[in-house]
PDB file of N, CA and C in Angstrom:
ATOM      1  N   MET A   1       0.771  -1.434   0.109  1.00  0.00           N
ATOM      2  CA  MET A   1      -0.022  -0.068  -0.198  1.00  0.00           C
ATOM      3  C   MET A   1       0.774   1.380  -0.020  1.00  0.00           C
ATOM      4  N   SER A   2       0.366   1.839  -0.767  1.00  0.00           N
ATOM      5  CA  SER A   2       1.421   3.302  -1.008  1.00  0.00           C
ATOM      6  C   SER A   2       0.954   4.638   0.059  1.00  0.00           C
ATOM      7  N   LEU A   3       1.911   5.329  -0.052  1.00  0.00           N
ATOM      8  CA  LEU A   3       1.909   6.091   1.347  1.00  0.00           C
ATOM      9  C   LEU A   3       0.395   7.052   1.193  1.00  0.00           C
ATOM     10  N   VAL A   4       0.297   7.601  -0.082  1.00  0.00           N
ATOM     11  CA  VAL A   4      -0.845   8.144  -0.095  1.00  0.00           C
ATOM     12  C   VAL A   4      -2.366   7.252   0.159  1.00  0.00           C
ATOM     13  N   GLN A   5      -2.038   5.930  -0.494  1.00  0.00           N
ATOM     14  CA  GLN A   5      -3.249   5.112   0.030  1.00  0.00           C
ATOM     15  C   GLN A   5      -3.393   5.031   1.370  1.00  0.00           C
ATOM     16  N   ARG A   6      -2.296   4.910   2.169  1.00  0.00           N
ATOM     17  CA  ARG A   6      -2.881   4.261   3.607  1.00  0.00           C
ATOM     18  C   ARG A   6      -3.059   5.716   4.202  1.00  0.00           C
ATOM     19  N   PHE A   7      -2.587   6.834   3.689  1.00  0.00           N
ATOM     20  CA  PHE A   7      -2.557   8.287   4.845  1.00  0.00           C
ATOM     21  C   PHE A   7      -4.022   8.922   3.739  1.00  0.00           C
ATOM     22  N   LYS A   8      -4.255   8.661   3.123  1.00  0.00           N
ATOM     23  CA  LYS A   8      -5.336   9.525   2.082  1.00  0.00           C
ATOM     24  C   LYS A   8      -6.279  11.132   2.976  1.00  0.00           C
ATOM     25  N   LYS A   9      -6.584  10.715   4.293  1.00  0.00           N
ATOM     26  CA  LYS A   9      -6.884  11.619   5.118  1.00  0.00           C
ATOM     27  C   LYS A   9      -6.247  12.636   5.463  1.00  0.00           C
ATOM     28  N   ASN A  10      -5.184  12.308   5.355  1.00  0.00           N
ATOM     29  CA  ASN A  10      -3.301  13.596   5.720  1.00  0.00           C
ATOM     30  C   ASN A  10      -3.036  13.969   4.868  1.00  0.00           C
ATOM     31  N   VAL A  11      -3.134  13.693   3.658  1.00  0.00           N
ATOM     32  CA  VAL A  11      -2.278  14.193   2.452  1.00  0.00           C
ATOM     33  C   VAL A  11      -2.112  15.539   2.552  1.00  0.00           C
ATOM     34  N   SER A  12      -2.671  16.348   2.946  1.00  0.00           N
ATOM     35  CA  SER A  12      -2.711  17.989   3.240  1.00  0.00           C
ATOM     36  C   SER A  12      -1.493  17.774   4.024  1.00  0.00           C
ATOM     37  N   LEU A  13      -1.883  17.784   4.855  1.00  0.00           N
ATOM     38  CA  LEU A  13      -0.896  17.460   6.377  1.00  0.00           C
ATOM     39  C   LEU A  13       0.623  17.074   6.099  1.00  0.00           C
ATOM     40  N   LEU A  14       0.756  16.018   5.549  1.00  0.00           N
ATOM     41  CA  LEU A  14       1.621  15.559   5.044  1.00  0.00           C
ATOM     42  C   LEU A  14       2.471  16.207   4.116  1.00  0.00           C
ATOM     43  N   SER A  15       1.587  16.902   2.960  1.00  0.00           N
ATOM     44  CA  SER A  15       2.278  17.904   2.312  1.00  0.00           C
ATOM     45  C   SER A  15       2.957  19.174   2.815  1.00  0.00           C
ATOM     46  N   GLN A  16       2.431  19.525   4.164  1.00  0.00           N
ATOM     47  CA  GLN A  16       2.810  20.980   4.697  1.00  0.00           C
ATOM     48  C   GLN A  16       3.935  20.458   5.295  1.00  0.00           C
ATOM     49  N   ALA A  17       4.271  19.308   5.848  1.00  0.00           N
ATOM     50  CA  ALA A  17       5.076  18.697   6.409  1.00  0.00           C
ATOM     51  C   ALA A  17       6.766  18.496   5.407  1.00  0.00           C
ATOM     52  N   ALA A  18       6.053  17.975   4.566  1.00  0.00           N
ATOM     53  CA  ALA A  18       7.411  17.647   3.293  1.00  0.00           C
ATOM     54  C   ALA A  18       7.697  19.077   2.598  1.00  0.00           C
ATOM     55  N   GLU A  19       6.751  20.377   2.766  1.00  0.00           N
ATOM     56  CA  GLU A  19       7.287  21.824   2.512  1.00  0.00           C
ATOM     57  C   GLU A  19       7.870  22.482   3.382  1.00  0.00           C
ATOM     58  N   GLY A  20       7.932  21.982   4.651  1.00  0.00           N
ATOM     59  CA  GLY A  20       8.590  22.768   5.931  1.00  0.00           C
ATOM     60  C   GLY A  20       7.795  23.894   6.637  1.00  0.00           C
ATOM     61  N   THR A  21       5.916  23.729   6.169  1.00  0.00           N
ATOM     62  CA  THR A  21       5.517  24.953   6.937  1.00  0.00           C
ATOM     63  C   THR A  21       5.259  24.314   8.258  1.00  0.00           C
ATOM     64  N   ILE A  22       4.963  23.133   8.447  1.00  0.00           N
ATOM     65  CA  ILE A  22       4.939  22.554   9.598  1.00  0.00           C
ATOM     66  C   ILE A  22       5.946  21.563  10.248  1.00  0.00           C
ATOM     67  N   ASP A  23       5.894  21.390  11.361  1.00  0.00           N
ATOM     68  CA  ASP A  23       7.139  20.323  11.944  1.00  0.00           C
ATOM     69  C   ASP A  23       5.822  19.119  12.306  1.00  0.00           C
ATOM     70  N   LEU A  24       5.893  18.189  11.671  1.00  0.00           N
ATOM     71  CA  LEU A  24       4.821  16.950  11.958  1.00  0.00           C
ATOM     72  C   LEU A  24       5.164  16.393  13.320  1.00  0.00           C
ATOM     73  N   ASP A  25       6.169  16.269  13.622  1.00  0.00           N
ATOM     74  CA  ASP A  25       6.186  15.252  14.912  1.00  0.00           C
ATOM     75  C   ASP A  25       5.582  16.593  16.282  1.00  0.00           C
ATOM     76  N   TYR A  26       5.484  17.682  15.875  1.00  0.00           N
ATOM     77  CA  TYR A  26       4.688  18.679  17.234  1.00  0.00           C
ATOM     78  C   TYR A  26       3.099  18.748  16.795  1.00  0.00           C
ATOM     79  N   LYS A  27       3.075  18.922  15.649  1.00  0.00           N
ATOM     80  CA  LYS A  27       1.775  19.804  15.053  1.00  0.00           C
ATOM     81  C   LYS A  27       0.691  18.378  15.405  1.00  0.00           C
ATOM     82  N   ASN A  28       1.184  17.373  15.195  1.00  0.00           N
ATOM     83  CA  ASN A  28       0.477  16.000  15.025  1.00  0.00           C
ATOM     84  C   ASN A  28       0.940  15.019  15.260  1.00  0.00           C
ATOM     85  N   PRO A  29       1.795  14.735  16.581  1.00  0.00           N
ATOM     86  CA  PRO A  29       2.468  13.476  16.921  1.00  0.00           C
ATOM     87  C   PRO A  29       2.162  11.803  16.498  1.00  0.00           C
ATOM     88  N   LYS A  30       0.629  12.023  16.691  1.00  0.00           N
ATOM     89  CA  LYS A  30      -0.138  10.293  16.425  1.00  0.00           C
ATOM     90  C   LYS A  30       0.175  10.156  15.360  1.00  0.00           C
ATOM     91  N   LEU A  31      -0.321  11.059  14.651  1.00  0.00           N
ATOM     92  CA  LEU A  31       0.445  10.774  12.993  1.00  0.00           C
ATOM     93  C   LEU A  31       1.627  10.483  12.643  1.00  0.00           C
ATOM     94  N   TYR A  32       2.654  11.293  13.049  1.00  0.00           N
ATOM     95  CA  TYR A  32       4.294  10.916  13.000  1.00  0.00           C
ATOM     96  C   TYR A  32       4.690   9.805  13.551  1.00  0.00           C
ATOM     97  N   LYS A  33       3.983   9.293  14.541  1.00  0.00           N
ATOM     98  CA  LYS A  33       4.283   7.970  14.840  1.00  0.00           C
ATOM     99  C   LYS A  33       3.976   6.706  13.992  1.00  0.00           C
ATOM    100  N   LYS A  34       2.473   7.398  13.416  1.00  0.00           N
ATOM    101  CA  LYS A  34       2.141   6.116  12.261  1.00  0.00           C
ATOM    102  C   LYS A  34       3.014   6.369  11.213  1.00  0.00           C
ATOM    103  N   ILE A  35       3.754   7.460  11.014  1.00  0.00           N
ATOM    104  CA  ILE A  35       4.279   7.671   9.394  1.00  0.00           C
ATOM    105  C   ILE A  35       5.873   7.038   9.894  1.00  0.00           C
ATOM    106  N   LEU A  36       6.051   6.906  11.287  1.00  0.00           N
ATOM    107  CA  LEU A  36       7.335   6.045  11.343  1.00  0.00           C
ATOM    108  C   LEU A  36       7.334   4.796  11.093  1.00  0.00           C
ATOM    109  N   ARG A  37       6.081   3.957  11.778  1.00  0.00           N
ATOM    110  CA  ARG A  37       5.727   3.197  11.855  1.00  0.00           C
ATOM    111  C   ARG A  37       5.702   2.261  10.240  1.00  0.00           C
ATOM    112  N   TYR A  38       4.944   3.289   9.208  1.00  0.00           N
ATOM    113  CA  TYR A  38       5.095   3.112   7.877  1.00  0.00           C
ATOM    114  C   TYR A  38       6.390   2.791   7.524  1.00  0.00           C
ATOM    115  N   TYR A  39       7.336   3.375   7.780  1.00  0.00           N
ATOM    116  CA  TYR A  39       8.702   3.607   6.930  1.00  0.00           C
ATOM    117  C   TYR A  39       9.085   2.678   7.999  1.00  0.00           C
ATOM    118  N   GLU A  40       9.223   2.099   8.858  1.00  0.00           N
ATOM    119  CA  GLU A  40       9.700   1.329   9.573  1.00  0.00           C
ATOM    120  C   GLU A  40       9.223  -0.316   8.556  1.00  0.00           C
ATOM    121  N   ASP A  41       8.108  -0.393   8.494  1.00  0.00           N
ATOM    122  CA  ASP A  41       7.355  -1.450   7.939  1.00  0.00           C
ATOM    123  C   ASP A  41       7.884  -1.690   6.340  1.00  0.00           C
ATOM    124  N   GLN A  42       8.214  -0.742   6.240  1.00  0.00           N
ATOM    125  CA  GLN A  42       8.917  -0.604   4.405  1.00  0.00           C
ATOM    126  C   GLN A  42      10.393  -1.430   4.545  1.00  0.00           C
ATOM    127  N   GLY A  43      11.198  -1.504   5.576  1.00  0.00           N
ATOM    128  CA  GLY A  43      12.203  -1.571   5.424  1.00  0.00           C
ATOM    129  C   GLY A  43      13.364  -0.430   5.900  1.00  0.00           C
ATOM    130  N   VAL A  44      12.965   0.319   6.144  1.00  0.00           N
ATOM    131  CA  VAL A  44      13.593   1.770   6.262  1.00  0.00           C
ATOM    132  C   VAL A  44      14.339   1.525   7.788  1.00  0.00           C
ATOM    133  N   GLU A  45      15.567   1.791   8.269  1.00  0.00           N
ATOM    134  CA  GLU A  45      16.243   1.931   9.504  1.00  0.00           C
ATOM    135  C   GLU A  45      16.557   3.484   9.750  1.00  0.00           C
ATOM    136  N   LEU A  46      16.036   3.715  11.043  1.00  0.00           N
ATOM    137  CA  LEU A  46      15.502   5.032  11.402  1.00  0.00           C
ATOM    138  C   LEU A  46      17.126   4.888  12.385  1.00  0.00           C
ATOM    139  N   TYR A  47      17.178   6.097  12.786  1.00  0.00           N
ATOM    140  CA  TYR A  47      18.431   6.631  13.335  1.00  0.00           C
ATOM    141  C   TYR A  47      18.041   6.598  14.883  1.00  0.00           C
ATOM    142  N   ASP A  48      19.025   6.942  15.432  1.00  0.00           N
ATOM    143  CA  ASP A  48      18.758   6.798  17.115  1.00  0.00           C
ATOM    144  C   ASP A  48      18.530   8.225  17.626  1.00  0.00           C
ATOM    145  N   ASP A  49      18.944   9.175  16.630  1.00  0.00           N
ATOM    146  CA  ASP A  49      19.288  10.772  17.080  1.00  0.00           C
ATOM    147  C   ASP A  49      17.574  11.344  16.848  1.00  0.00           C
ATOM    148  N   PRO A  50      16.785  11.396  17.228  1.00  0.00           N
ATOM    149  CA  PRO A  50      15.447  12.155  16.912  1.00  0.00           C
ATOM    150  C   PRO A  50      15.482  12.895  15.691  1.00  0.00           C
ATOM    151  N   TYR A  51      16.558  13.918  16.003  1.00  0.00           N
ATOM    152  CA  TYR A  51      16.400  15.028  14.899  1.00  0.00           C
ATOM    153  C   TYR A  51      16.640  14.088  13.329  1.00  0.00           C
ATOM    154  N   ASP A  52      17.859  13.827  13.284  1.00  0.00           N
ATOM    155  CA  ASP A  52      18.113  12.801  12.171  1.00  0.00           C
ATOM    156  C   ASP A  52      17.358  11.855  11.632  1.00  0.00           C
ATOM    157  N   THR A  53      16.147  10.985  12.501  1.00  0.00           N
ATOM    158  CA  THR A  53      15.170  10.612  12.202  1.00  0.00           C
ATOM    159  C   THR A  53      13.989  11.402  11.300  1.00  0.00           C
ATOM    160  N   TYR A  54      13.790  12.744  12.214  1.00  0.00           N
ATOM    161  CA  TYR A  54      12.734  13.032  11.709  1.00  0.00           C
ATOM    162  C   TYR A  54      13.137  13.925   9.873  1.00  0.00           C
ATOM    163  N   GLU A  55      14.447  14.316   9.773  1.00  0.00           N
ATOM    164  CA  GLU A  55      14.988  14.233   8.974  1.00  0.00           C
ATOM    165  C   GLU A  55      14.640  13.531   7.644  1.00  0.00           C
ATOM    166  N   LEU A  56      15.332  12.436   8.112  1.00  0.00           N
ATOM    167  CA  LEU A  56      14.653  11.404   7.324  1.00  0.00           C
ATOM    168  C   LEU A  56      13.497  10.970   6.632  1.00  0.00           C
ATOM    169  N   ILE A  57      12.661  11.011   7.625  1.00  0.00           N
ATOM    170  CA  ILE A  57      11.173  10.555   7.160  1.00  0.00           C
ATOM    171  C   ILE A  57      11.170  11.953   6.212  1.00  0.00           C
ATOM    172  N   ILE A  58      11.120  13.320   6.755  1.00  0.00           N
ATOM    173  CA  ILE A  58      10.742  14.155   5.966  1.00  0.00           C
ATOM    174  C   ILE A  58      11.375  14.242   4.480  1.00  0.00           C
ATOM    175  N   ASP A  59      12.333  13.393   4.666  1.00  0.00           N
ATOM    176  CA  ASP A  59      13.018  13.631   2.930  1.00  0.00           C
ATOM    177  C   ASP A  59      12.134  12.446   2.483  1.00  0.00           C
ATOM    178  N   LEU A  60      12.064  11.151   2.889  1.00  0.00           N
ATOM    179  CA  LEU A  60      10.821  10.541   2.395  1.00  0.00           C
ATOM    180  C   LEU A  60       9.770  10.568   1.953  1.00  0.00           C
ATOM    181  N   LEU A  61       9.133  11.407   2.478  1.00  0.00           N
ATOM    182  CA  LEU A  61       7.970  11.821   2.506  1.00  0.00           C
ATOM    183  C   LEU A  61       7.684  12.821   1.009  1.00  0.00           C
ATOM    184  N   LYS A  62       8.664  13.826   0.991  1.00  0.00           N
ATOM    185  CA  LYS A  62       9.082  14.376  -0.190  1.00  0.00           C
ATOM    186  C   LYS A  62       9.050  13.834  -1.356  1.00  0.00           C
ATOM    187  N   GLU A  63       9.953  12.472  -0.995  1.00  0.00           N
ATOM    188  CA  GLU A  63      10.163  11.283  -2.226  1.00  0.00           C
ATOM    189  C   GLU A  63       9.025  10.541  -2.895  1.00  0.00           C
ATOM    190  N   ASP A  64       8.237  10.574  -1.757  1.00  0.00           N
ATOM    191  CA  ASP A  64       7.035   9.583  -2.130  1.00  0.00           C
ATOM    192  C   ASP A  64       5.841  10.714  -2.623  1.00  0.00           C
ATOM    193  N   LEU A  65       5.633  11.369  -1.878  1.00  0.00           N
ATOM    194  CA  LEU A  65       4.602  12.805  -2.457  1.00  0.00           C
ATOM    195  C   LEU A  65       4.817  13.039  -3.898  1.00  0.00           C
ATOM    196  N   VAL A  66       6.086  13.214  -4.033  1.00  0.00           N
ATOM    197  CA  VAL A  66       6.384  13.537  -5.577  1.00  0.00           C
ATOM    198  C   VAL A  66       6.423  12.343  -6.391  1.00  0.00           C
ATOM    199  N   THR A  67       7.059  10.932  -6.027  1.00  0.00           N
ATOM    200  CA  THR A  67       6.276   9.721  -6.864  1.00  0.00           C
ATOM    201  C   THR A  67       5.161   9.939  -6.712  1.00  0.00           C
ATOM    202  N   GLU A  68       4.263  10.169  -6.304  1.00  0.00           N
ATOM    203  CA  GLU A  68       2.820   9.831  -6.469  1.00  0.00           C
ATOM    204  C   GLU A  68       1.684  10.633  -6.946  1.00  0.00           C
ATOM    205  N   GLY A  69       2.178  11.974  -7.259  1.00  0.00           N
ATOM    206  CA  GLY A  69       1.883  13.187  -7.928  1.00  0.00           C
ATOM    207  C   GLY A  69       1.116  14.054  -7.441  1.00  0.00           C
ATOM    208  N   VAL A  70       1.484  13.724  -5.798  1.00  0.00           N
ATOM    209  CA  VAL A  70       0.937  14.968  -4.920  1.00  0.00           C
ATOM    210  C   VAL A  70       1.583  16.274  -5.059  1.00  0.00           C
ATOM    211  N   ASN A  71       2.837  16.487  -4.990  1.00  0.00           N
ATOM    212  CA  ASN A  71       3.828  17.469  -4.740  1.00  0.00           C
ATOM    213  C   ASN A  71       4.674  17.262  -5.945  1.00  0.00           C
ATOM    214  N   ALA A  72       4.995  18.558  -6.526  1.00  0.00           N
ATOM    215  CA  ALA A  72       5.897  18.657  -7.875  1.00  0.00           C
ATOM    216  C   ALA A  72       7.050  19.451  -7.739  1.00  0.00           C
TER     217      ALA A  72
END
């Protein structure tokens, strides 16, 4: 299941996070934890440092949203 399919109700919020408009981990920590779990299930290894993990997640979000045609 793709990111957009899995989180279709939150695509707008994910786009804002990818653009840097909001900090997803503070704005919506429950959604951020679900996103972390989603990427862990996809085989992504997360960092021990929360800041580095957040940056990785945002980079992955950007990539996935562009791939699925949500952000250009």
